[in-house]
């Protein structure tokens, strides 16, 4: 059996850092960071491929 230690303070701090970085990206770039945006950009034809 593998025992892990639950650390709520570290988890909260990590989530806050991720949240602050996502909000910062949205404020400075105007779009949300996430897999949907990455896939959308990857699937759109580029202007040079026409």
C-alpha atoms as a PDB file:
ATOM      1  CA  UNK A   1       0.000   0.000   0.000  1.00  0.00           C
ATOM      2  CA  UNK A   2       1.349   3.405  -0.979  1.00  0.00           C
ATOM      3  CA  UNK A   3       0.776   6.111   1.619  1.00  0.00           C
ATOM      4  CA  UNK A   4       0.771   9.745   0.572  1.00  0.00           C
ATOM      5  CA  UNK A   5       0.631  12.789   2.770  1.00  0.00           C
ATOM      6  CA  UNK A   6      -2.195  15.254   2.155  1.00  0.00           C
ATOM      7  CA  UNK A   7      -0.961  18.827   2.381  1.00  0.00           C
ATOM      8  CA  UNK A   8      -3.875  21.248   1.992  1.00  0.00           C
ATOM      9  CA  UNK A   9      -1.715  24.361   2.321  1.00  0.00           C
ATOM     10  CA  UNK A  10       0.624  23.317  -0.490  1.00  0.00           C
ATOM     11  CA  UNK A  11      -2.361  22.339  -2.636  1.00  0.00           C
ATOM     12  CA  UNK A  12      -4.029  25.684  -2.042  1.00  0.00           C
ATOM     13  CA  UNK A  13      -0.848  27.579  -2.844  1.00  0.00           C
ATOM     14  CA  UNK A  14      -0.322  25.619  -6.066  1.00  0.00           C
ATOM     15  CA  UNK A  15      -3.909  26.222  -7.178  1.00  0.00           C
ATOM     16  CA  UNK A  16      -3.588  29.923  -6.420  1.00  0.00           C
ATOM     17  CA  UNK A  17      -0.424  30.174  -8.506  1.00  0.00           C
ATOM     18  CA  UNK A  18      -2.132  28.454 -11.446  1.00  0.00           C
ATOM     19  CA  UNK A  19      -5.177  30.738 -11.075  1.00  0.00           C
ATOM     20  CA  UNK A  20      -3.103  33.916 -10.938  1.00  0.00           C
ATOM     21  CA  UNK A  21      -1.144  32.886 -14.027  1.00  0.00           C
ATOM     22  CA  UNK A  22      -4.361  32.085 -15.945  1.00  0.00           C
ATOM     23  CA  UNK A  23      -5.872  35.464 -15.032  1.00  0.00           C
ATOM     24  CA  UNK A  24      -2.633  37.225 -15.991  1.00  0.00           C
ATOM     25  CA  UNK A  25      -2.579  35.492 -19.367  1.00  0.00           C
ATOM     26  CA  UNK A  26      -6.201  36.497 -19.946  1.00  0.00           C
ATOM     27  CA  UNK A  27      -5.561  40.127 -18.995  1.00  0.00           C
ATOM     28  CA  UNK A  28      -2.414  40.529 -21.087  1.00  0.00           C
ATOM     29  CA  UNK A  29      -3.339  38.387 -24.104  1.00  0.00           C
ATOM     30  CA  UNK A  30      -7.138  38.562 -24.100  1.00  0.00           C
ATOM     31  CA  UNK A  31      -7.706  34.811 -24.341  1.00  0.00           C
ATOM     32  CA  UNK A  32      -8.020  31.916 -21.985  1.00  0.00           C
ATOM     33  CA  UNK A  33      -5.197  29.426 -21.630  1.00  0.00           C
ATOM     34  CA  UNK A  34      -6.305  25.828 -21.994  1.00  0.00           C
ATOM     35  CA  UNK A  35      -6.469  22.777 -24.197  1.00  0.00           C
ATOM     36  CA  UNK A  36      -9.449  24.142 -26.146  1.00  0.00           C
ATOM     37  CA  UNK A  37      -7.514  27.210 -27.304  1.00  0.00           C
ATOM     38  CA  UNK A  38      -4.464  25.151 -28.181  1.00  0.00           C
ATOM     39  CA  UNK A  39      -6.510  22.692 -30.260  1.00  0.00           C
ATOM     40  CA  UNK A  40      -8.475  25.491 -31.934  1.00  0.00           C
ATOM     41  CA  UNK A  41      -5.251  27.200 -33.084  1.00  0.00           C
ATOM     42  CA  UNK A  42      -3.782  23.897 -34.223  1.00  0.00           C
ATOM     43  CA  UNK A  43      -6.830  23.037 -36.342  1.00  0.00           C
ATOM     44  CA  UNK A  44      -7.252  26.422 -38.032  1.00  0.00           C
ATOM     45  CA  UNK A  45      -5.567  26.760 -41.408  1.00  0.00           C
ATOM     46  CA  UNK A  46      -2.736  29.232 -41.323  1.00  0.00           C
ATOM     47  CA  UNK A  47      -2.544  32.250 -43.619  1.00  0.00           C
ATOM     48  CA  UNK A  48       0.620  30.897 -45.291  1.00  0.00           C
ATOM     49  CA  UNK A  49      -1.005  27.587 -46.302  1.00  0.00           C
ATOM     50  CA  UNK A  50      -3.394  29.213 -48.776  1.00  0.00           C
END
